[in-house]
N, C-alpha and C. Protein backbone atom coordinates (compact mmCIF):
# COMPACT_ATOMS: atom_id res chain seq x y z
N MET A 1 187.25 -106.59 20.89
CA MET A 1 186.88 -107.87 20.65
C MET A 1 185.93 -108.34 21.57
N SER A 2 185.01 -109.17 21.11
CA SER A 2 183.93 -109.60 21.95
C SER A 2 184.06 -111.02 22.27
N ALA A 3 183.22 -111.54 23.29
CA ALA A 3 183.27 -112.95 23.58
C ALA A 3 182.70 -113.86 22.55
N PRO A 4 183.16 -115.02 22.49
CA PRO A 4 182.72 -115.94 21.35
C PRO A 4 181.16 -116.29 21.70
N LEU A 5 180.51 -116.53 20.59
CA LEU A 5 179.12 -116.84 20.72
C LEU A 5 179.03 -118.44 21.18
N HIS A 6 177.92 -118.71 21.68
CA HIS A 6 177.74 -120.21 22.06
C HIS A 6 178.14 -121.08 20.87
N ALA A 7 177.67 -120.95 19.87
CA ALA A 7 177.92 -121.79 18.60
C ALA A 7 179.43 -121.96 18.21
N GLU A 8 180.05 -120.93 18.49
CA GLU A 8 181.53 -120.79 18.20
C GLU A 8 182.36 -121.58 19.32
N ARG A 9 181.80 -121.59 20.48
CA ARG A 9 182.51 -122.26 21.69
C ARG A 9 182.27 -123.73 21.68
N GLN A 10 181.39 -124.29 20.95
CA GLN A 10 181.00 -125.67 21.12
C GLN A 10 182.10 -126.70 20.83
N GLY A 11 183.01 -126.21 20.02
CA GLY A 11 184.14 -127.17 19.65
C GLY A 11 185.11 -127.33 20.85
N ALA A 12 185.15 -126.23 21.64
CA ALA A 12 186.08 -126.14 22.77
C ALA A 12 185.52 -126.96 23.96
N VAL A 13 184.21 -127.19 24.06
CA VAL A 13 183.45 -127.79 25.28
C VAL A 13 183.85 -129.30 25.18
N ASN A 14 184.02 -129.93 26.39
CA ASN A 14 184.34 -131.32 26.51
C ASN A 14 183.04 -132.02 25.90
N ALA A 15 183.23 -132.92 24.86
CA ALA A 15 182.12 -133.57 24.21
C ALA A 15 181.35 -134.42 25.21
N ALA A 16 181.96 -134.94 26.19
CA ALA A 16 181.38 -135.84 27.07
C ALA A 16 180.29 -135.11 28.02
N LEU A 17 180.44 -133.80 28.11
CA LEU A 17 179.59 -132.89 28.97
C LEU A 17 178.80 -131.82 28.13
N ASP A 18 178.82 -132.09 26.83
CA ASP A 18 178.19 -131.05 26.01
C ASP A 18 176.69 -131.22 26.21
N PRO A 19 175.94 -130.18 26.63
CA PRO A 19 174.49 -130.43 26.93
C PRO A 19 173.69 -130.53 25.58
N GLU A 20 174.25 -130.13 24.53
CA GLU A 20 173.61 -130.26 23.12
C GLU A 20 173.59 -131.79 22.69
N THR A 21 174.59 -132.52 23.12
CA THR A 21 174.59 -133.97 22.67
C THR A 21 174.21 -134.94 23.84
N LEU A 22 174.02 -134.46 24.98
CA LEU A 22 173.56 -135.45 26.10
C LEU A 22 172.20 -135.79 26.07
N GLU A 23 171.77 -136.88 26.35
CA GLU A 23 170.42 -137.40 26.36
C GLU A 23 169.96 -137.07 27.88
N VAL A 24 170.88 -137.29 28.85
CA VAL A 24 170.38 -137.00 30.23
C VAL A 24 171.65 -136.46 30.82
N ALA A 25 171.53 -135.13 31.42
CA ALA A 25 172.80 -134.68 32.06
C ALA A 25 173.07 -135.50 33.34
N PRO A 26 174.41 -135.52 33.57
CA PRO A 26 174.82 -136.31 34.78
C PRO A 26 174.43 -135.59 36.10
N GLY A 27 173.93 -136.40 37.07
CA GLY A 27 173.51 -135.90 38.24
C GLY A 27 174.56 -136.13 39.36
N SER A 28 174.14 -135.97 40.67
CA SER A 28 175.37 -136.14 41.65
C SER A 28 174.87 -137.37 42.40
N VAL A 29 175.93 -138.10 42.93
CA VAL A 29 175.69 -139.26 43.82
C VAL A 29 175.58 -138.82 45.16
N HIS A 30 174.64 -139.28 45.87
CA HIS A 30 174.41 -138.92 47.31
C HIS A 30 174.97 -139.99 48.12
N GLU A 31 175.89 -139.66 49.01
CA GLU A 31 176.59 -140.67 49.85
C GLU A 31 175.63 -140.93 50.97
N SER A 32 175.53 -142.20 51.38
CA SER A 32 174.59 -142.55 52.43
C SER A 32 175.45 -142.36 53.82
N VAL A 33 174.96 -141.50 54.58
CA VAL A 33 175.69 -141.28 55.90
C VAL A 33 174.82 -141.76 57.11
N GLU A 34 173.68 -142.30 56.84
CA GLU A 34 172.77 -142.74 57.88
C GLU A 34 173.40 -143.65 58.73
N GLY A 35 173.39 -143.51 60.10
CA GLY A 35 174.13 -144.42 61.05
C GLY A 35 175.60 -144.09 61.21
N TRP A 36 176.16 -143.16 60.41
CA TRP A 36 177.48 -142.80 60.52
C TRP A 36 177.86 -142.09 61.71
N VAL A 37 179.02 -142.45 62.44
CA VAL A 37 179.51 -141.79 63.58
C VAL A 37 180.87 -141.24 63.18
N PRO A 38 181.06 -140.08 62.73
CA PRO A 38 182.37 -139.73 62.25
C PRO A 38 183.40 -139.42 63.41
N GLU A 39 184.69 -139.72 63.11
CA GLU A 39 185.71 -139.36 64.14
C GLU A 39 186.05 -137.88 63.86
N LEU A 40 186.04 -137.11 65.01
CA LEU A 40 186.33 -135.62 64.90
C LEU A 40 187.61 -135.38 65.47
N ALA A 41 188.62 -135.88 64.93
CA ALA A 41 190.10 -135.73 65.49
C ALA A 41 190.65 -134.47 65.09
N SER A 42 190.34 -133.91 63.94
CA SER A 42 190.85 -132.57 63.68
C SER A 42 189.81 -131.59 63.30
N GLU A 43 190.21 -130.40 63.19
CA GLU A 43 189.30 -129.24 62.83
C GLU A 43 188.64 -129.54 61.46
N ASN A 44 189.55 -129.97 60.53
CA ASN A 44 189.06 -130.37 59.15
C ASN A 44 188.06 -131.40 59.21
N GLU A 45 188.25 -132.37 59.92
CA GLU A 45 187.27 -133.58 59.87
C GLU A 45 185.92 -133.09 60.56
N LEU A 46 186.04 -132.30 61.59
CA LEU A 46 184.82 -131.60 62.26
C LEU A 46 183.97 -130.87 61.10
N ARG A 47 184.68 -129.96 60.32
CA ARG A 47 184.02 -129.18 59.38
C ARG A 47 183.49 -129.97 58.24
N GLU A 48 184.07 -131.21 57.79
CA GLU A 48 183.61 -131.86 56.77
C GLU A 48 182.44 -132.62 57.21
N ALA A 49 182.41 -133.10 58.44
CA ALA A 49 181.29 -133.96 59.05
C ALA A 49 180.08 -132.93 59.17
N LEU A 50 180.28 -131.76 59.66
CA LEU A 50 179.16 -130.86 59.96
C LEU A 50 178.64 -130.38 58.53
N GLU A 51 179.42 -130.36 57.49
CA GLU A 51 178.94 -130.01 56.18
C GLU A 51 178.19 -131.09 55.69
N LYS A 52 178.50 -132.30 55.84
CA LYS A 52 177.57 -133.48 55.45
C LYS A 52 176.37 -133.48 56.22
N ALA A 53 176.42 -133.04 57.66
CA ALA A 53 175.28 -133.09 58.50
C ALA A 53 174.27 -132.03 57.92
N PHE A 54 174.82 -131.01 57.35
CA PHE A 54 173.85 -129.93 56.96
C PHE A 54 173.14 -130.45 55.64
N ASP A 55 173.82 -131.23 54.82
CA ASP A 55 173.19 -131.67 53.58
C ASP A 55 172.34 -132.99 53.82
N TYR A 56 172.42 -133.55 55.05
CA TYR A 56 171.65 -134.76 55.47
C TYR A 56 170.20 -134.32 55.90
N ARG A 57 169.30 -135.10 55.38
CA ARG A 57 167.94 -134.76 55.58
C ARG A 57 167.23 -135.35 56.77
N GLY A 58 167.97 -136.21 57.57
CA GLY A 58 167.51 -136.76 58.72
C GLY A 58 168.13 -136.11 60.07
N ASP A 59 167.77 -136.62 61.20
CA ASP A 59 168.28 -136.13 62.35
C ASP A 59 169.76 -136.46 62.70
N VAL A 60 170.43 -135.55 63.44
CA VAL A 60 171.77 -135.81 63.82
C VAL A 60 171.84 -135.61 65.37
N ALA A 61 172.57 -136.45 65.96
CA ALA A 61 172.79 -136.35 67.43
C ALA A 61 174.12 -135.67 67.69
N ILE A 62 174.07 -134.55 68.38
CA ILE A 62 175.30 -133.82 68.64
C ILE A 62 175.58 -133.93 70.18
N THR A 63 176.79 -134.27 70.50
CA THR A 63 177.14 -134.33 71.88
C THR A 63 178.09 -133.13 71.95
N LYS A 64 177.72 -132.31 73.03
CA LYS A 64 178.66 -131.10 73.34
C LYS A 64 179.79 -131.44 74.32
N LYS A 65 180.82 -130.55 74.40
CA LYS A 65 181.91 -130.89 75.23
C LYS A 65 181.57 -130.90 76.74
N ASP A 66 180.44 -130.22 77.06
CA ASP A 66 179.96 -130.14 78.50
C ASP A 66 179.19 -131.50 78.85
N GLY A 67 178.99 -132.34 77.80
CA GLY A 67 178.32 -133.55 78.05
C GLY A 67 176.84 -133.68 77.65
N SER A 68 176.29 -132.49 77.39
CA SER A 68 174.83 -132.39 76.97
C SER A 68 174.66 -132.98 75.54
N LYS A 69 173.57 -133.32 75.27
CA LYS A 69 173.23 -133.90 73.90
C LYS A 69 172.06 -133.13 73.36
N ILE A 70 172.03 -133.02 72.07
CA ILE A 70 170.92 -132.48 71.23
C ILE A 70 170.76 -133.29 70.00
N ASP A 71 169.60 -133.81 69.85
CA ASP A 71 169.22 -134.71 68.81
C ASP A 71 168.12 -133.90 67.83
N GLY A 72 168.46 -133.61 66.63
CA GLY A 72 167.52 -132.82 65.88
C GLY A 72 168.10 -132.66 64.46
N TYR A 73 167.45 -131.75 63.74
CA TYR A 73 167.75 -131.58 62.23
C TYR A 73 168.62 -130.20 62.15
N ILE A 74 169.68 -130.32 61.55
CA ILE A 74 170.58 -129.14 61.33
C ILE A 74 170.07 -128.44 59.93
N PHE A 75 169.48 -127.21 60.23
CA PHE A 75 168.91 -126.53 59.16
C PHE A 75 169.66 -125.34 58.67
N ASP A 76 170.88 -125.00 59.48
CA ASP A 76 171.54 -123.84 58.92
C ASP A 76 173.07 -123.99 59.55
N ARG A 77 173.94 -123.41 58.91
CA ARG A 77 175.33 -123.40 59.45
C ARG A 77 176.12 -122.18 58.80
N VAL A 78 177.09 -121.77 59.63
CA VAL A 78 177.76 -120.56 59.19
C VAL A 78 179.21 -121.03 59.49
N THR A 79 180.08 -120.89 58.46
CA THR A 79 181.53 -121.28 58.66
C THR A 79 182.35 -120.03 58.69
N GLY A 80 182.92 -119.83 59.90
CA GLY A 80 183.92 -118.79 60.00
C GLY A 80 185.39 -119.26 59.81
N ALA A 81 186.23 -118.20 60.25
CA ALA A 81 187.70 -118.44 60.19
C ALA A 81 188.17 -119.32 61.11
N ASN A 82 187.68 -119.68 62.25
CA ASN A 82 187.91 -120.59 63.27
C ASN A 82 186.68 -121.23 63.90
N LEU A 83 186.90 -122.24 64.69
CA LEU A 83 185.76 -123.01 65.33
C LEU A 83 184.86 -122.18 66.11
N GLU A 84 185.36 -121.25 66.86
CA GLU A 84 184.56 -120.38 67.68
C GLU A 84 183.73 -119.51 66.96
N ASN A 85 184.01 -119.12 65.65
CA ASN A 85 183.12 -118.26 64.84
C ASN A 85 182.35 -118.96 63.84
N SER A 86 182.37 -120.36 63.94
CA SER A 86 181.45 -121.25 63.14
C SER A 86 180.38 -121.85 63.95
N PHE A 87 179.18 -121.99 63.44
CA PHE A 87 178.22 -122.67 64.22
C PHE A 87 177.17 -123.27 63.30
N VAL A 88 176.39 -124.10 63.92
CA VAL A 88 175.27 -124.81 63.37
C VAL A 88 174.01 -124.34 64.16
N ARG A 89 172.88 -124.35 63.37
CA ARG A 89 171.54 -124.02 64.05
C ARG A 89 170.78 -125.42 63.87
N VAL A 90 170.11 -125.88 64.98
CA VAL A 90 169.46 -127.15 64.97
C VAL A 90 167.99 -126.90 65.50
N LEU A 91 167.17 -127.83 64.84
CA LEU A 91 165.74 -127.82 65.35
C LEU A 91 165.74 -129.12 66.15
N PRO A 92 165.69 -129.12 67.47
CA PRO A 92 165.67 -130.25 68.34
C PRO A 92 164.52 -131.02 68.17
N ARG A 93 164.58 -132.33 68.18
CA ARG A 93 163.42 -133.30 67.88
C ARG A 93 162.41 -133.20 68.90
N ASP A 94 162.64 -132.75 70.18
CA ASP A 94 161.76 -132.61 71.19
C ASP A 94 161.29 -131.29 71.55
N SER A 95 161.50 -130.31 70.58
CA SER A 95 161.18 -128.86 70.93
C SER A 95 161.02 -128.14 69.63
N ASN A 96 160.31 -126.96 69.71
CA ASN A 96 160.25 -126.08 68.54
C ASN A 96 161.23 -124.90 68.52
N ARG A 97 162.00 -124.88 69.56
CA ARG A 97 163.04 -123.80 69.75
C ARG A 97 164.14 -124.19 68.89
N ARG A 98 164.89 -123.06 68.46
CA ARG A 98 165.98 -123.27 67.64
C ARG A 98 167.25 -123.15 68.38
N VAL A 99 168.31 -123.90 68.24
CA VAL A 99 169.45 -123.88 69.13
C VAL A 99 170.68 -123.63 68.27
N LYS A 100 171.48 -122.86 68.66
CA LYS A 100 172.71 -122.34 67.88
C LYS A 100 173.81 -122.97 68.71
N ILE A 101 174.72 -123.69 67.97
CA ILE A 101 175.84 -124.48 68.58
C ILE A 101 177.19 -124.02 67.90
N SER A 102 178.08 -123.59 68.61
CA SER A 102 179.33 -123.29 68.07
C SER A 102 180.06 -124.63 67.70
N TYR A 103 180.88 -124.57 66.61
CA TYR A 103 181.57 -125.77 66.19
C TYR A 103 182.69 -126.12 67.31
N ALA A 104 183.10 -125.23 68.04
CA ALA A 104 184.09 -125.34 69.19
C ALA A 104 183.42 -126.15 70.29
N GLU A 105 182.24 -126.17 70.43
CA GLU A 105 181.47 -126.82 71.63
C GLU A 105 181.15 -128.23 71.21
N ILE A 106 181.36 -128.74 70.01
CA ILE A 106 180.91 -130.05 69.51
C ILE A 106 182.07 -131.07 69.87
N ALA A 107 181.76 -132.08 70.57
CA ALA A 107 182.64 -133.22 70.98
C ALA A 107 182.39 -134.32 69.90
N ALA A 108 181.12 -134.68 69.76
CA ALA A 108 180.75 -135.92 68.90
C ALA A 108 179.66 -135.63 68.10
N LEU A 109 179.46 -136.36 66.96
CA LEU A 109 178.30 -136.22 65.98
C LEU A 109 177.92 -137.57 65.57
N ALA A 110 176.54 -137.93 65.52
CA ALA A 110 176.21 -139.20 64.94
C ALA A 110 174.89 -138.84 63.98
N PHE A 111 174.94 -139.48 62.93
CA PHE A 111 173.80 -139.45 61.93
C PHE A 111 172.66 -140.47 62.47
N SER A 112 171.90 -140.04 63.44
CA SER A 112 171.00 -140.81 64.08
C SER A 112 169.66 -141.20 63.38
N GLY A 113 169.13 -140.29 62.77
CA GLY A 113 167.80 -140.27 62.06
C GLY A 113 167.76 -140.84 60.73
N ARG A 114 166.68 -141.44 60.48
CA ARG A 114 166.41 -141.93 59.06
C ARG A 114 166.26 -140.80 58.09
N ASP A 115 166.82 -140.97 56.93
CA ASP A 115 166.76 -139.97 55.97
C ASP A 115 165.43 -140.17 55.29
N PRO A 116 164.35 -139.25 55.50
CA PRO A 116 163.01 -139.46 54.97
C PRO A 116 163.03 -139.37 53.45
N ALA A 117 163.97 -138.81 52.88
CA ALA A 117 163.92 -138.68 51.45
C ALA A 117 164.74 -139.78 50.67
N ALA A 118 165.24 -140.62 51.42
CA ALA A 118 166.10 -141.73 50.79
C ALA A 118 165.26 -142.62 49.95
N GLY A 119 165.68 -142.82 48.60
CA GLY A 119 165.05 -143.64 47.73
C GLY A 119 163.87 -142.92 47.06
N LYS A 120 163.72 -141.75 47.29
CA LYS A 120 162.60 -140.85 46.75
C LYS A 120 162.97 -140.00 45.65
N SER A 121 163.94 -140.40 44.90
CA SER A 121 164.45 -139.68 43.61
C SER A 121 163.38 -139.57 42.56
N TRP A 122 163.51 -138.69 41.68
CA TRP A 122 162.69 -138.45 40.53
C TRP A 122 162.68 -139.76 39.81
N GLU A 123 163.79 -140.29 39.51
CA GLU A 123 163.83 -141.53 38.71
C GLU A 123 163.09 -142.78 39.35
N ALA A 124 163.25 -142.86 40.68
CA ALA A 124 162.48 -143.87 41.35
C ALA A 124 161.02 -143.65 41.20
N TRP A 125 160.50 -142.49 41.39
CA TRP A 125 159.12 -142.02 41.27
C TRP A 125 158.64 -142.32 39.90
N VAL A 126 159.25 -142.01 38.79
CA VAL A 126 158.96 -142.25 37.41
C VAL A 126 158.80 -143.91 37.27
N ARG A 127 159.76 -144.49 37.74
CA ARG A 127 159.79 -145.94 37.45
C ARG A 127 158.57 -146.50 38.20
N LYS A 128 158.26 -146.19 39.38
CA LYS A 128 157.09 -146.78 40.06
C LYS A 128 155.81 -146.32 39.28
N TYR A 129 155.66 -145.14 38.84
CA TYR A 129 154.50 -144.69 38.01
C TYR A 129 154.30 -145.53 36.97
N TRP A 130 155.50 -145.88 35.98
CA TRP A 130 155.25 -146.60 34.76
C TRP A 130 154.98 -148.05 35.11
N GLU A 131 155.52 -148.52 36.30
CA GLU A 131 155.05 -149.93 36.73
C GLU A 131 153.74 -150.02 36.93
N LYS A 132 153.07 -149.08 37.55
CA LYS A 132 151.77 -149.05 37.98
C LYS A 132 150.95 -148.90 36.75
N LYS A 133 151.32 -148.03 35.77
CA LYS A 133 150.57 -147.75 34.61
C LYS A 133 150.54 -149.05 33.82
N ALA A 134 151.51 -149.75 33.71
CA ALA A 134 151.64 -151.03 32.90
C ALA A 134 150.97 -152.20 33.41
N SER A 135 150.68 -152.04 34.84
CA SER A 135 149.95 -153.21 35.43
C SER A 135 148.44 -152.87 35.29
N GLY A 136 148.12 -151.64 34.82
CA GLY A 136 146.69 -151.43 34.65
C GLY A 136 146.02 -150.74 35.90
N GLU A 137 146.83 -150.49 36.78
CA GLU A 137 146.34 -149.77 38.10
C GLU A 137 145.75 -148.53 37.85
N GLY A 138 144.52 -148.34 38.17
CA GLY A 138 143.85 -147.03 38.01
C GLY A 138 144.16 -145.90 38.97
N ASP A 139 143.58 -144.86 38.73
CA ASP A 139 143.63 -143.72 39.54
C ASP A 139 145.14 -143.20 39.71
N LEU A 140 145.83 -143.30 38.62
CA LEU A 140 147.17 -142.68 38.64
C LEU A 140 147.09 -141.19 38.60
N SER A 141 147.95 -140.53 39.30
CA SER A 141 148.01 -139.07 39.17
C SER A 141 149.45 -138.62 39.11
N LEU A 142 149.78 -137.40 38.73
CA LEU A 142 151.10 -136.92 38.71
C LEU A 142 151.40 -136.14 39.97
N LYS A 143 150.98 -136.63 41.12
CA LYS A 143 151.21 -135.99 42.42
C LYS A 143 152.33 -136.68 43.18
N PRO A 144 153.23 -135.99 43.77
CA PRO A 144 154.33 -136.82 44.50
C PRO A 144 153.84 -137.45 45.67
N GLU A 145 154.56 -138.47 46.12
CA GLU A 145 154.26 -139.20 47.33
C GLU A 145 154.65 -138.28 48.47
N SER A 146 154.09 -138.68 49.67
CA SER A 146 154.52 -138.05 50.92
C SER A 146 156.01 -138.57 51.22
N LEU A 147 156.74 -137.71 51.89
CA LEU A 147 158.08 -138.22 52.38
C LEU A 147 157.96 -138.94 53.53
N GLU A 148 156.98 -138.89 54.25
CA GLU A 148 156.83 -139.65 55.60
C GLU A 148 155.98 -141.00 55.28
């Protein structure tokens, strides 16, 4: 017996999510965390906050348990079985060195920096393009705007 063909499966697919009938596929909603200072009362809350920090495109202020602070961009993270084996890698704002911080060392977290890509979605760009075109503005091109 072989697997059903795509055409045979179509009746079983949820009609609301069927790509053959959708005009536009549903996207994901990005939660705004800019300025958020999460409470890190439990291991699970710390892991969730660091996962959001990894997805965040702005700077994050990390306060370590020894009192030192690092403000920068989280560009990598590894989640292990416990906090000691999990870590984030940060590009500090004031340096080009990369810093590796264990989850177990983190006392506080704050989403300090502005998200440079906020409001820069494809839909927003297309809307601005058509507004400029409708107003007769010349020199329109299909090049993206700078994020800064």
